[in-house]
Amino acid sequence: QVQLVESGGGLVQPGGSLRLSCAVPGSIFSSSVLGWYRQAPGKQRDLVAAITSGGSTNYADSVKGRFTISRDNAKNTVYLQMNSLKPEDTAVYYCNAKVPSGFFAVGYWGQGTQVTVSS
């Protein structure tokens, strides 16, 4: 069973920073496109940032310039550094790994970690 384990969420004031971490099994890490999604109450789950195995990144417009996704190949871990946090960033953040499988990809999710931005 593939298990992704997130950590690093919490309560932070507007303008503050948090770093999320996600440990990914070594069996899938190197070949995966890794991403962070978030879901606020009553809303759909949306992509925040993604990084390919080659290090190319993609960000939602709402977080560009504030969030940075990175991957540590030695630790099989993907990170999301979140700076200048806003109340609208409040959500459950989920780690995702997409593993190529033929013409398709298999997706795996973490359990989610709550991020709350509030004064």
Protein backbone atom coordinates (compact mmCIF):
# COMPACT_ATOMS: atom_id res chain seq x y z
CA GLN A 1 0.00 0.00 0.00
CA VAL A 2 1.39 3.36 -1.03
CA GLN A 3 1.27 5.91 1.76
CA LEU A 4 2.14 9.59 1.56
CA VAL A 5 2.67 11.28 4.92
CA GLU A 6 2.28 15.04 5.26
CA SER A 7 3.40 17.29 8.10
CA GLY A 8 3.91 20.95 8.87
CA GLY A 9 0.44 22.41 8.92
CA GLY A 10 -0.85 24.67 11.66
CA LEU A 11 -2.12 28.07 12.65
CA VAL A 12 -0.26 31.14 11.42
CA GLN A 13 -0.96 34.86 11.33
CA PRO A 14 -1.45 36.70 8.03
CA GLY A 15 1.91 37.49 6.50
CA GLY A 16 3.54 34.52 8.19
CA SER A 17 5.20 31.44 6.75
CA LEU A 18 4.84 27.68 6.96
CA ARG A 19 6.63 24.78 5.33
CA LEU A 20 4.75 21.60 4.49
CA SER A 21 6.55 18.31 4.01
CA CYS A 22 5.40 15.09 2.39
CA ALA A 23 7.31 11.82 2.64
CA VAL A 24 6.84 9.70 -0.47
CA PRO A 25 7.75 6.01 -0.75
CA GLY A 26 11.07 5.55 -2.49
CA SER A 27 9.54 3.03 -4.88
CA ILE A 28 7.58 5.79 -6.64
CA PHE A 29 9.36 9.01 -5.73
CA SER A 30 11.82 9.37 -8.61
CA SER A 31 9.27 8.72 -11.36
CA SER A 32 6.42 10.78 -9.91
CA VAL A 33 5.06 14.18 -10.66
CA LEU A 34 4.54 15.52 -7.15
CA GLY A 35 1.97 18.11 -6.26
CA TRP A 36 0.23 19.97 -3.49
CA TYR A 37 -3.52 20.54 -3.63
CA ARG A 38 -5.80 22.35 -1.22
CA GLN A 39 -9.45 22.20 -0.35
CA ALA A 40 -11.33 24.84 1.60
CA PRO A 41 -14.71 24.06 3.21
CA GLY A 42 -17.44 23.84 0.60
CA LYS A 43 -15.00 24.15 -2.30
CA GLN A 44 -13.36 21.76 -4.72
CA ARG A 45 -9.82 20.49 -4.35
CA ASP A 46 -7.50 22.61 -6.48
CA LEU A 47 -3.90 22.30 -7.56
CA VAL A 48 -1.55 24.66 -5.73
CA ALA A 49 1.82 23.62 -7.13
CA ALA A 50 3.48 20.71 -8.90
CA ILE A 51 7.00 19.58 -9.71
CA THR A 52 8.15 17.01 -12.24
CA SER A 53 10.89 14.46 -11.79
CA GLY A 54 13.13 16.81 -13.77
CA GLY A 55 12.42 19.74 -11.49
CA SER A 56 10.03 21.75 -13.66
CA THR A 57 7.41 23.55 -11.60
CA ASN A 58 3.92 24.90 -12.05
CA TYR A 59 1.91 27.13 -9.72
CA ALA A 60 -1.63 28.35 -9.35
CA ASP A 61 -1.85 32.06 -10.14
CA SER A 62 -3.04 32.79 -6.62
CA VAL A 63 0.23 31.57 -5.05
CA LYS A 64 2.84 32.60 -7.60
CA GLY A 65 5.63 34.56 -5.97
CA ARG A 66 4.59 33.43 -2.47
CA PHE A 67 4.82 29.62 -2.52
CA THR A 68 7.72 27.43 -3.60
CA ILE A 69 7.58 23.70 -4.26
CA SER A 70 10.75 21.63 -4.10
CA ARG A 71 11.80 18.00 -3.90
CA ASP A 72 14.67 16.36 -2.05
CA ASN A 73 15.65 13.25 -3.94
CA ALA A 74 17.89 12.02 -1.12
CA LYS A 75 15.06 12.17 1.41
CA ASN A 76 12.18 11.18 -0.90
CA THR A 77 10.36 14.26 0.30
CA VAL A 78 8.48 17.08 -1.38
CA TYR A 79 8.10 20.46 0.28
CA LEU A 80 5.83 23.46 -0.03
CA GLN A 81 7.30 26.66 1.37
CA MET A 82 4.48 29.13 1.93
CA ASN A 83 5.32 32.78 2.56
CA SER A 84 3.19 35.91 2.90
CA LEU A 85 0.22 33.77 3.87
CA LYS A 86 -3.26 35.19 3.52
CA PRO A 87 -6.55 34.19 5.19
CA GLU A 88 -7.73 32.87 1.83
CA ASP A 89 -4.91 30.31 1.93
CA THR A 90 -6.76 28.56 4.76
CA ALA A 91 -7.53 25.00 3.67
CA VAL A 92 -6.62 21.36 4.07
CA TYR A 93 -3.48 20.76 2.01
CA TYR A 94 -2.97 17.40 0.32
CA CYS A 95 0.15 15.88 -1.14
CA ASN A 96 -0.24 13.99 -4.41
CA ALA A 97 2.02 11.69 -6.40
CA LYS A 98 1.22 10.79 -10.01
CA VAL A 99 3.05 7.72 -11.23
CA PRO A 100 3.19 7.01 -14.97
CA SER A 101 1.51 3.75 -15.92
CA GLY A 102 1.45 3.04 -19.63
CA PHE A 103 -0.67 5.71 -21.29
CA PHE A 104 -2.10 6.79 -17.97
CA ALA A 105 -1.00 7.78 -14.49
CA VAL A 106 -1.90 6.41 -11.08
CA GLY A 107 -2.48 8.99 -8.38
CA TYR A 108 -1.82 8.64 -4.67
CA TRP A 109 -2.91 11.03 -1.91
CA GLY A 110 -1.78 11.91 1.55
CA GLN A 111 -4.18 12.27 4.45
CA GLY A 112 -4.12 16.07 4.39
CA THR A 113 -2.83 18.70 6.79
CA GLN A 114 -4.77 21.74 7.98
CA VAL A 115 -3.40 25.21 7.35
CA THR A 116 -5.22 28.06 9.05
CA VAL A 117 -4.25 31.69 8.46
CA SER A 118 -5.87 33.94 11.01
CA SER A 119 -5.10 36.73 13.41
